[in-house]
PDB file of N, CA and C in Angstrom:
ATOM      1  N   UNK A   1     121.233  99.891  80.933  1.00  0.00           N
ATOM      2  CA  UNK A   1     119.892  98.930  82.332  1.00  0.00           C
ATOM      3  C   UNK A   1     119.275  99.706  82.045  1.00  0.00           C
ATOM      4  N   UNK A   2     117.652  99.881  81.510  1.00  0.00           N
ATOM      5  CA  UNK A   2     116.510 100.350  82.515  1.00  0.00           C
ATOM      6  C   UNK A   2     115.719  99.373  82.889  1.00  0.00           C
ATOM      7  N   UNK A   3     114.677 100.163  83.831  1.00  0.00           N
ATOM      8  CA  UNK A   3     114.221 100.061  84.327  1.00  0.00           C
ATOM      9  C   UNK A   3     113.880  98.845  84.839  1.00  0.00           C
ATOM     10  N   UNK A   4     113.073  98.534  82.935  1.00  0.00           N
ATOM     11  CA  UNK A   4     112.294  97.481  83.179  1.00  0.00           C
ATOM     12  C   UNK A   4     113.090  95.969  83.468  1.00  0.00           C
ATOM     13  N   UNK A   5     114.903  95.614  82.896  1.00  0.00           N
ATOM     14  CA  UNK A   5     115.087  94.564  82.842  1.00  0.00           C
ATOM     15  C   UNK A   5     115.168  95.164  84.461  1.00  0.00           C
ATOM     16  N   UNK A   6     116.346  95.291  85.062  1.00  0.00           N
ATOM     17  CA  UNK A   6     116.126  96.446  86.505  1.00  0.00           C
ATOM     18  C   UNK A   6     115.001  95.164  87.389  1.00  0.00           C
ATOM     19  N   UNK A   7     113.863  95.637  87.393  1.00  0.00           N
ATOM     20  CA  UNK A   7     112.585  94.971  87.957  1.00  0.00           C
ATOM     21  C   UNK A   7     111.963  93.739  87.693  1.00  0.00           C
ATOM     22  N   UNK A   8     112.219  93.109  86.584  1.00  0.00           N
ATOM     23  CA  UNK A   8     112.902  91.382  86.337  1.00  0.00           C
ATOM     24  C   UNK A   8     113.812  91.178  87.514  1.00  0.00           C
ATOM     25  N   UNK A   9     114.552  91.490  87.310  1.00  0.00           N
ATOM     26  CA  UNK A   9     116.061  90.848  87.998  1.00  0.00           C
ATOM     27  C   UNK A   9     115.159  89.835  89.900  1.00  0.00           C
ATOM     28  N   UNK A  10     115.825  88.864  89.629  1.00  0.00           N
ATOM     29  CA  UNK A  10     115.373  88.328  90.703  1.00  0.00           C
ATOM     30  C   UNK A  10     116.197  88.444  92.190  1.00  0.00           C
ATOM     31  N   UNK A  11     116.943  90.210  92.173  1.00  0.00           N
ATOM     32  CA  UNK A  11     117.938  90.602  92.925  1.00  0.00           C
ATOM     33  C   UNK A  11     116.881  91.659  93.506  1.00  0.00           C
ATOM     34  N   UNK A  12     116.479  91.657  92.225  1.00  0.00           N
ATOM     35  CA  UNK A  12     115.517  93.155  92.681  1.00  0.00           C
ATOM     36  C   UNK A  12     114.049  93.120  93.314  1.00  0.00           C
ATOM     37  N   UNK A  13     114.207  91.462  92.484  1.00  0.00           N
ATOM     38  CA  UNK A  13     113.180  90.811  93.619  1.00  0.00           C
ATOM     39  C   UNK A  13     112.319  90.663  94.603  1.00  0.00           C
ATOM     40  N   UNK A  14     113.428  90.380  95.119  1.00  0.00           N
ATOM     41  CA  UNK A  14     113.798  89.592  96.148  1.00  0.00           C
ATOM     42  C   UNK A  14     114.840  91.146  97.103  1.00  0.00           C
ATOM     43  N   UNK A  15     115.171  92.683  96.598  1.00  0.00           N
ATOM     44  CA  UNK A  15     114.774  92.979  97.680  1.00  0.00           C
ATOM     45  C   UNK A  15     113.477  93.827  97.989  1.00  0.00           C
ATOM     46  N   UNK A  16     112.087  93.785  97.004  1.00  0.00           N
ATOM     47  CA  UNK A  16     111.727  93.470  97.146  1.00  0.00           C
ATOM     48  C   UNK A  16     110.679  92.441  98.248  1.00  0.00           C
ATOM     49  N   UNK A  17     110.505  91.598  97.723  1.00  0.00           N
ATOM     50  CA  UNK A  17     109.792  90.932  99.184  1.00  0.00           C
ATOM     51  C   UNK A  17     110.603  91.274 100.506  1.00  0.00           C
ATOM     52  N   UNK A  18     111.751  91.634 100.302  1.00  0.00           N
ATOM     53  CA  UNK A  18     112.225  92.014 101.838  1.00  0.00           C
ATOM     54  C   UNK A  18     111.360  92.595 102.672  1.00  0.00           C
ATOM     55  N   UNK A  19     111.496  93.852 101.894  1.00  0.00           N
ATOM     56  CA  UNK A  19     110.316  95.696 102.346  1.00  0.00           C
ATOM     57  C   UNK A  19     109.600  95.217 102.251  1.00  0.00           C
ATOM     58  N   UNK A  20     109.201  94.497 102.088  1.00  0.00           N
ATOM     59  CA  UNK A  20     107.138  92.986 102.052  1.00  0.00           C
ATOM     60  C   UNK A  20     107.655  93.057 103.678  1.00  0.00           C
ATOM     61  N   UNK A  21     107.620  92.310 104.388  1.00  0.00           N
ATOM     62  CA  UNK A  21     108.121  91.673 104.876  1.00  0.00           C
ATOM     63  C   UNK A  21     108.629  93.018 105.816  1.00  0.00           C
ATOM     64  N   UNK A  22     109.187  93.740 106.060  1.00  0.00           N
ATOM     65  CA  UNK A  22     108.614  95.825 107.351  1.00  0.00           C
ATOM     66  C   UNK A  22     107.692  95.947 107.954  1.00  0.00           C
ATOM     67  N   UNK A  23     107.223  94.959 109.265  1.00  0.00           N
ATOM     68  CA  UNK A  23     106.319  95.593 110.057  1.00  0.00           C
ATOM     69  C   UNK A  23     106.339  96.415 110.568  1.00  0.00           C
ATOM     70  N   UNK A  24     107.096  97.472 110.879  1.00  0.00           N
ATOM     71  CA  UNK A  24     106.648  98.833 111.360  1.00  0.00           C
ATOM     72  C   UNK A  24     108.572  99.248 110.470  1.00  0.00           C
ATOM     73  N   UNK A  25     107.738 101.182 111.572  1.00  0.00           N
ATOM     74  CA  UNK A  25     109.193 101.492 111.414  1.00  0.00           C
ATOM     75  C   UNK A  25     110.522 101.009 112.212  1.00  0.00           C
ATOM     76  N   UNK A  26     110.204 100.846 113.441  1.00  0.00           N
ATOM     77  CA  UNK A  26     111.271 100.592 114.107  1.00  0.00           C
ATOM     78  C   UNK A  26     112.174  99.223 112.924  1.00  0.00           C
ATOM     79  N   UNK A  27     111.918  98.603 112.683  1.00  0.00           N
ATOM     80  CA  UNK A  27     111.997  97.445 110.901  1.00  0.00           C
ATOM     81  C   UNK A  27     112.416  98.235 109.804  1.00  0.00           C
ATOM     82  N   UNK A  28     111.642  99.403 109.661  1.00  0.00           N
ATOM     83  CA  UNK A  28     112.088  99.885 108.044  1.00  0.00           C
ATOM     84  C   UNK A  28     113.636 100.466 108.210  1.00  0.00           C
ATOM     85  N   UNK A  29     113.147 100.455 110.044  1.00  0.00           N
ATOM     86  CA  UNK A  29     114.993 101.530 110.181  1.00  0.00           C
ATOM     87  C   UNK A  29     115.863 100.803 109.946  1.00  0.00           C
ATOM     88  N   UNK A  30     115.380  99.221 110.360  1.00  0.00           N
ATOM     89  CA  UNK A  30     117.003  98.860 111.448  1.00  0.00           C
ATOM     90  C   UNK A  30     117.617  97.656 109.915  1.00  0.00           C
ATOM     91  N   UNK A  31     116.781  98.130 109.163  1.00  0.00           N
ATOM     92  CA  UNK A  31     116.579  97.516 107.736  1.00  0.00           C
ATOM     93  C   UNK A  31     117.179  98.231 106.508  1.00  0.00           C
ATOM     94  N   UNK A  32     117.476  99.744 106.326  1.00  0.00           N
ATOM     95  CA  UNK A  32     117.656 100.718 106.471  1.00  0.00           C
ATOM     96  C   UNK A  32     118.730 100.843 106.285  1.00  0.00           C
ATOM     97  N   UNK A  33     120.197 101.541 108.001  1.00  0.00           N
ATOM     98  CA  UNK A  33     120.330 101.427 108.158  1.00  0.00           C
ATOM     99  C   UNK A  33     121.700 100.004 108.350  1.00  0.00           C
ATOM    100  N   UNK A  34     121.547  99.053 107.886  1.00  0.00           N
ATOM    101  CA  UNK A  34     122.388  97.826 107.450  1.00  0.00           C
ATOM    102  C   UNK A  34     122.720  97.386 105.489  1.00  0.00           C
ATOM    103  N   UNK A  35     121.598  98.413 105.421  1.00  0.00           N
ATOM    104  CA  UNK A  35     120.988  98.722 104.042  1.00  0.00           C
ATOM    105  C   UNK A  35     122.212  99.335 103.020  1.00  0.00           C
ATOM    106  N   UNK A  36     121.602 100.755 104.178  1.00  0.00           N
ATOM    107  CA  UNK A  36     122.165 101.491 102.807  1.00  0.00           C
ATOM    108  C   UNK A  36     123.653 102.465 103.495  1.00  0.00           C
ATOM    109  N   UNK A  37     124.475 103.696 102.707  1.00  0.00           N
ATOM    110  CA  UNK A  37     124.874 104.238 103.479  1.00  0.00           C
ATOM    111  C   UNK A  37     124.103 105.375 104.049  1.00  0.00           C
ATOM    112  N   UNK A  38     124.929 106.421 105.229  1.00  0.00           N
ATOM    113  CA  UNK A  38     123.416 107.680 105.815  1.00  0.00           C
ATOM    114  C   UNK A  38     123.544 107.918 104.932  1.00  0.00           C
ATOM    115  N   UNK A  39     124.463 108.529 103.841  1.00  0.00           N
ATOM    116  CA  UNK A  39     123.842 109.727 102.225  1.00  0.00           C
ATOM    117  C   UNK A  39     122.184 109.339 102.017  1.00  0.00           C
ATOM    118  N   UNK A  40     122.150 108.219 101.652  1.00  0.00           N
ATOM    119  CA  UNK A  40     121.918 107.073 100.579  1.00  0.00           C
ATOM    120  C   UNK A  40     120.731 107.687 101.404  1.00  0.00           C
ATOM    121  N   UNK A  41     120.436 107.501 102.371  1.00  0.00           N
ATOM    122  CA  UNK A  41     119.136 107.541 103.723  1.00  0.00           C
ATOM    123  C   UNK A  41     118.456 109.250 104.078  1.00  0.00           C
ATOM    124  N   UNK A  42     120.098 109.424 103.981  1.00  0.00           N
ATOM    125  CA  UNK A  42     119.974 111.250 104.151  1.00  0.00           C
ATOM    126  C   UNK A  42     118.698 111.265 103.283  1.00  0.00           C
ATOM    127  N   UNK A  43     119.717 111.237 102.049  1.00  0.00           N
ATOM    128  CA  UNK A  43     118.710 111.109 100.033  1.00  0.00           C
ATOM    129  C   UNK A  43     117.647 111.069 100.224  1.00  0.00           C
ATOM    130  N   UNK A  44     117.189 109.787 100.523  1.00  0.00           N
ATOM    131  CA  UNK A  44     116.066 109.232 100.301  1.00  0.00           C
ATOM    132  C   UNK A  44     114.816 109.964 100.379  1.00  0.00           C
ATOM    133  N   UNK A  45     115.691 110.205 102.250  1.00  0.00           N
ATOM    134  CA  UNK A  45     114.342 111.128 103.270  1.00  0.00           C
ATOM    135  C   UNK A  45     114.184 112.225 102.374  1.00  0.00           C
ATOM    136  N   UNK A  46     114.513 112.823 101.934  1.00  0.00           N
ATOM    137  CA  UNK A  46     114.661 114.014 101.283  1.00  0.00           C
ATOM    138  C   UNK A  46     113.805 114.911 100.444  1.00  0.00           C
ATOM    139  N   UNK A  47     114.412 113.304  99.314  1.00  0.00           N
ATOM    140  CA  UNK A  47     113.444 112.865  98.909  1.00  0.00           C
ATOM    141  C   UNK A  47     111.773 112.234  98.802  1.00  0.00           C
ATOM    142  N   UNK A  48     111.769 112.098 100.241  1.00  0.00           N
ATOM    143  CA  UNK A  48     110.354 111.332 100.172  1.00  0.00           C
ATOM    144  C   UNK A  48     109.433 112.152 100.945  1.00  0.00           C
ATOM    145  N   UNK A  49     110.130 113.955 101.291  1.00  0.00           N
ATOM    146  CA  UNK A  49     109.744 114.980 102.458  1.00  0.00           C
ATOM    147  C   UNK A  49     108.915 115.992 100.569  1.00  0.00           C
ATOM    148  N   UNK A  50     109.870 115.888 100.052  1.00  0.00           N
ATOM    149  CA  UNK A  50     110.102 116.694  98.644  1.00  0.00           C
ATOM    150  C   UNK A  50     108.274 116.157  97.838  1.00  0.00           C
ATOM    151  N   UNK A  51     108.713 115.094  97.994  1.00  0.00           N
ATOM    152  CA  UNK A  51     106.976 114.580  97.708  1.00  0.00           C
ATOM    153  C   UNK A  51     106.440 114.717  98.443  1.00  0.00           C
ATOM    154  N   UNK A  52     106.484 114.656  99.198  1.00  0.00           N
ATOM    155  CA  UNK A  52     105.188 114.930 100.127  1.00  0.00           C
ATOM    156  C   UNK A  52     104.675 116.869 100.540  1.00  0.00           C
ATOM    157  N   UNK A  53     105.541 117.152  99.898  1.00  0.00           N
ATOM    158  CA  UNK A  53     105.047 118.362  99.616  1.00  0.00           C
ATOM    159  C   UNK A  53     104.431 119.326  98.691  1.00  0.00           C
ATOM    160  N   UNK A  54     105.250 118.583  98.379  1.00  0.00           N
ATOM    161  CA  UNK A  54     104.414 118.870  96.417  1.00  0.00           C
ATOM    162  C   UNK A  54     102.705 117.996  96.195  1.00  0.00           C
ATOM    163  N   UNK A  55     103.326 116.860  96.802  1.00  0.00           N
ATOM    164  CA  UNK A  55     101.468 116.689  96.626  1.00  0.00           C
ATOM    165  C   UNK A  55     100.806 117.117  97.224  1.00  0.00           C
ATOM    166  N   UNK A  56     101.181 119.054  98.232  1.00  0.00           N
ATOM    167  CA  UNK A  56     100.001 119.715  99.677  1.00  0.00           C
ATOM    168  C   UNK A  56     100.893 121.001  98.038  1.00  0.00           C
ATOM    169  N   UNK A  57     101.034 120.436  97.128  1.00  0.00           N
ATOM    170  CA  UNK A  57     101.264 121.775  97.048  1.00  0.00           C
ATOM    171  C   UNK A  57     101.650 122.670  97.201  1.00  0.00           C
ATOM    172  N   UNK A  58     102.862 122.812  98.624  1.00  0.00           N
ATOM    173  CA  UNK A  58     104.664 123.716  98.919  1.00  0.00           C
ATOM    174  C   UNK A  58     105.081 124.297  97.172  1.00  0.00           C
ATOM    175  N   UNK A  59     105.175 125.572  97.477  1.00  0.00           N
ATOM    176  CA  UNK A  59     106.345 125.772  96.375  1.00  0.00           C
ATOM    177  C   UNK A  59     107.571 125.559  96.259  1.00  0.00           C
ATOM    178  N   UNK A  60     108.204 125.420  94.971  1.00  0.00           N
ATOM    179  CA  UNK A  60     109.564 124.885  94.984  1.00  0.00           C
ATOM    180  C   UNK A  60     110.493 125.591  96.560  1.00  0.00           C
ATOM    181  N   UNK A  61     110.211 126.557  96.780  1.00  0.00           N
ATOM    182  CA  UNK A  61     110.825 127.583  97.260  1.00  0.00           C
ATOM    183  C   UNK A  61     111.364 127.282  98.866  1.00  0.00           C
ATOM    184  N   UNK A  62     109.813 126.915  98.875  1.00  0.00           N
ATOM    185  CA  UNK A  62     109.763 126.410 100.229  1.00  0.00           C
ATOM    186  C   UNK A  62     110.593 124.635 100.052  1.00  0.00           C
ATOM    187  N   UNK A  63     110.677 124.329  99.087  1.00  0.00           N
ATOM    188  CA  UNK A  63     110.966 123.026  99.474  1.00  0.00           C
ATOM    189  C   UNK A  63     112.912 122.450  99.797  1.00  0.00           C
ATOM    190  N   UNK A  64     113.012 123.359  98.626  1.00  0.00           N
ATOM    191  CA  UNK A  64     115.070 123.534  98.750  1.00  0.00           C
ATOM    192  C   UNK A  64     115.496 124.033 100.192  1.00  0.00           C
ATOM    193  N   UNK A  65     114.640 125.669 101.043  1.00  0.00           N
ATOM    194  CA  UNK A  65     115.114 125.988 102.613  1.00  0.00           C
ATOM    195  C   UNK A  65     114.764 124.617 103.387  1.00  0.00           C
ATOM    196  N   UNK A  66     113.143 123.855 103.034  1.00  0.00           N
ATOM    197  CA  UNK A  66     113.134 122.425 103.986  1.00  0.00           C
ATOM    198  C   UNK A  66     114.134 121.022 104.216  1.00  0.00           C
ATOM    199  N   UNK A  67     114.598 121.390 102.751  1.00  0.00           N
ATOM    200  CA  UNK A  67     115.570 119.611 102.474  1.00  0.00           C
ATOM    201  C   UNK A  67     116.196 120.601 101.748  1.00  0.00           C
ATOM    202  N   UNK A  68     117.325 121.972 101.395  1.00  0.00           N
ATOM    203  CA  UNK A  68     118.482 121.748 100.965  1.00  0.00           C
ATOM    204  C   UNK A  68     118.063 120.377  99.174  1.00  0.00           C
ATOM    205  N   UNK A  69     117.799 120.280  98.356  1.00  0.00           N
ATOM    206  CA  UNK A  69     117.733 119.332  97.705  1.00  0.00           C
ATOM    207  C   UNK A  69     117.839 120.745  96.818  1.00  0.00           C
ATOM    208  N   UNK A  70     118.186 120.419  95.032  1.00  0.00           N
ATOM    209  CA  UNK A  70     117.816 121.535  95.224  1.00  0.00           C
ATOM    210  C   UNK A  70     116.381 121.320  93.368  1.00  0.00           C
ATOM    211  N   UNK A  71     116.861 122.405  92.787  1.00  0.00           N
ATOM    212  CA  UNK A  71     115.288 122.305  91.709  1.00  0.00           C
ATOM    213  C   UNK A  71     115.351 121.345  90.850  1.00  0.00           C
ATOM    214  N   UNK A  72     117.186 121.086  90.766  1.00  0.00           N
ATOM    215  CA  UNK A  72     116.820 119.044  89.124  1.00  0.00           C
ATOM    216  C   UNK A  72     115.628 118.648  90.267  1.00  0.00           C
ATOM    217  N   UNK A  73     116.713 118.594  91.160  1.00  0.00           N
ATOM    218  CA  UNK A  73     115.691 117.246  92.117  1.00  0.00           C
ATOM    219  C   UNK A  73     114.529 116.836  91.993  1.00  0.00           C
ATOM    220  N   UNK A  74     113.761 118.455  93.195  1.00  0.00           N
ATOM    221  CA  UNK A  74     112.246 118.915  93.212  1.00  0.00           C
ATOM    222  C   UNK A  74     111.918 118.088  91.750  1.00  0.00           C
ATOM    223  N   UNK A  75     113.001 118.257  90.653  1.00  0.00           N
ATOM    224  CA  UNK A  75     111.293 118.932  89.471  1.00  0.00           C
ATOM    225  C   UNK A  75     111.482 117.353  89.043  1.00  0.00           C
ATOM    226  N   UNK A  76     112.466 116.526  89.713  1.00  0.00           N
ATOM    227  CA  UNK A  76     111.773 115.258  88.785  1.00  0.00           C
ATOM    228  C   UNK A  76     111.227 114.408  89.674  1.00  0.00           C
ATOM    229  N   UNK A  77     111.934 114.992  91.083  1.00  0.00           N
ATOM    230  CA  UNK A  77     111.064 114.016  91.997  1.00  0.00           C
ATOM    231  C   UNK A  77     108.986 114.173  92.020  1.00  0.00           C
ATOM    232  N   UNK A  78     109.680 115.717  91.437  1.00  0.00           N
ATOM    233  CA  UNK A  78     107.441 116.266  90.797  1.00  0.00           C
ATOM    234  C   UNK A  78     106.945 115.288  89.670  1.00  0.00           C
ATOM    235  N   UNK A  79     108.071 114.992  88.531  1.00  0.00           N
ATOM    236  CA  UNK A  79     108.078 114.812  87.163  1.00  0.00           C
ATOM    237  C   UNK A  79     108.021 112.773  87.535  1.00  0.00           C
ATOM    238  N   UNK A  80     107.999 112.410  88.438  1.00  0.00           N
ATOM    239  CA  UNK A  80     107.770 111.514  88.599  1.00  0.00           C
ATOM    240  C   UNK A  80     106.269 110.840  89.228  1.00  0.00           C
ATOM    241  N   UNK A  81     105.951 112.013  90.469  1.00  0.00           N
ATOM    242  CA  UNK A  81     104.697 112.581  91.660  1.00  0.00           C
ATOM    243  C   UNK A  81     104.035 112.142  90.037  1.00  0.00           C
ATOM    244  N   UNK A  82     103.725 113.003  89.367  1.00  0.00           N
ATOM    245  CA  UNK A  82     102.763 113.266  89.164  1.00  0.00           C
ATOM    246  C   UNK A  82     102.836 112.267  87.479  1.00  0.00           C
ATOM    247  N   UNK A  83     103.295 111.877  87.161  1.00  0.00           N
ATOM    248  CA  UNK A  83     103.855 111.163  85.813  1.00  0.00           C
ATOM    249  C   UNK A  83     104.435 109.974  85.605  1.00  0.00           C
ATOM    250  N   UNK A  84     106.184 109.646  86.783  1.00  0.00           N
ATOM    251  CA  UNK A  84     105.602 107.952  87.144  1.00  0.00           C
ATOM    252  C   UNK A  84     104.389 107.281  87.374  1.00  0.00           C
ATOM    253  N   UNK A  85     105.107 106.310  87.857  1.00  0.00           N
ATOM    254  CA  UNK A  85     104.176 104.650  87.994  1.00  0.00           C
ATOM    255  C   UNK A  85     102.653 104.280  88.846  1.00  0.00           C
ATOM    256  N   UNK A  86     103.477 106.221  89.658  1.00  0.00           N
ATOM    257  CA  UNK A  86     102.949 105.766  90.514  1.00  0.00           C
ATOM    258  C   UNK A  86     103.434 105.414  91.971  1.00  0.00           C
ATOM    259  N   UNK A  87     104.067 105.993  92.211  1.00  0.00           N
ATOM    260  CA  UNK A  87     104.524 104.419  93.587  1.00  0.00           C
ATOM    261  C   UNK A  87     104.610 105.821  94.458  1.00  0.00           C
ATOM    262  N   UNK A  88     105.186 107.201  94.758  1.00  0.00           N
ATOM    263  CA  UNK A  88     104.925 108.331  95.386  1.00  0.00           C
ATOM    264  C   UNK A  88     103.608 108.621  95.487  1.00  0.00           C
ATOM    265  N   UNK A  89     102.459 108.501  94.562  1.00  0.00           N
ATOM    266  CA  UNK A  89     100.721 108.869  94.831  1.00  0.00           C
ATOM    267  C   UNK A  89     100.864 106.725  95.609  1.00  0.00           C
ATOM    268  N   UNK A  90     100.376 105.953  95.797  1.00  0.00           N
ATOM    269  CA  UNK A  90     100.699 104.928  96.267  1.00  0.00           C
ATOM    270  C   UNK A  90     100.213 105.785  98.271  1.00  0.00           C
ATOM    271  N   UNK A  91     101.832 105.735  98.217  1.00  0.00           N
ATOM    272  CA  UNK A  91     102.042 105.339  99.300  1.00  0.00           C
ATOM    273  C   UNK A  91     101.890 107.648 100.304  1.00  0.00           C
ATOM    274  N   UNK A  92     101.479 107.857  99.394  1.00  0.00           N
ATOM    275  CA  UNK A  92     101.575 109.109  99.171  1.00  0.00           C
ATOM    276  C   UNK A  92      98.909 109.142 100.036  1.00  0.00           C
ATOM    277  N   UNK A  93      99.003 108.585  99.191  1.00  0.00           N
ATOM    278  CA  UNK A  93      97.818 108.447  99.599  1.00  0.00           C
ATOM    279  C   UNK A  93      97.523 107.578 100.587  1.00  0.00           C
ATOM    280  N   UNK A  94      98.127 106.770 100.763  1.00  0.00           N
ATOM    281  CA  UNK A  94      97.592 105.404 102.830  1.00  0.00           C
ATOM    282  C   UNK A  94      97.996 106.735 103.380  1.00  0.00           C
ATOM    283  N   UNK A  95      99.239 107.556 103.395  1.00  0.00           N
ATOM    284  CA  UNK A  95     100.307 107.779 104.041  1.00  0.00           C
ATOM    285  C   UNK A  95      98.246 108.576 104.787  1.00  0.00           C
ATOM    286  N   UNK A  96      97.753 109.850 103.737  1.00  0.00           N
ATOM    287  CA  UNK A  96      96.888 110.358 103.754  1.00  0.00           C
ATOM    288  C   UNK A  96      95.671 109.909 104.832  1.00  0.00           C
ATOM    289  N   UNK A  97      95.765 108.506 103.794  1.00  0.00           N
ATOM    290  CA  UNK A  97      94.464 108.263 104.979  1.00  0.00           C
ATOM    291  C   UNK A  97      93.671 107.928 106.215  1.00  0.00           C
ATOM    292  N   UNK A  98      95.467 107.138 106.200  1.00  0.00           N
ATOM    293  CA  UNK A  98      96.018 107.260 107.503  1.00  0.00           C
ATOM    294  C   UNK A  98      95.662 108.788 108.363  1.00  0.00           C
ATOM    295  N   UNK A  99      95.783 108.770 108.441  1.00  0.00           N
ATOM    296  CA  UNK A  99      96.360 111.063 108.880  1.00  0.00           C
ATOM    297  C   UNK A  99      97.970 111.255 108.776  1.00  0.00           C
ATOM    298  N   UNK A 100      98.446 110.237 108.243  1.00  0.00           N
ATOM    299  CA  UNK A 100      99.993 110.351 109.134  1.00  0.00           C
ATOM    300  C   UNK A 100     101.027 110.905 108.203  1.00  0.00           C
ATOM    301  N   UNK A 101      99.609 112.092 106.702  1.00  0.00           N
ATOM    302  CA  UNK A 101     100.842 112.314 105.903  1.00  0.00           C
ATOM    303  C   UNK A 101     100.176 114.855 105.704  1.00  0.00           C
ATOM    304  N   UNK A 102     101.003 115.544 106.326  1.00  0.00           N
ATOM    305  CA  UNK A 102     100.793 116.599 105.528  1.00  0.00           C
ATOM    306  C   UNK A 102     100.441 117.459 106.767  1.00  0.00           C
TER     307      UNK A 102
END
């Protein structure tokens, strides 16, 4: 199933709308705890940290050490950061403008 099909599904739309209702980090943490396994949350957190570090031009070796992610996963995050749907870019730019990044 391609992302376009997932993106247009009612289930995915509900998930996106639900996430937009989260007002603060505490609400987000509680939602993620209910929605995901601990392993999923840890993996997503590591990918977000890798994206932030790539955004600030940290070398792969440092990202591997800090996150424990494989270079293949870091490469995938980097590909999404540079050539993806701008999801990482938008949130990292927003955090940067609020002084909450890096």
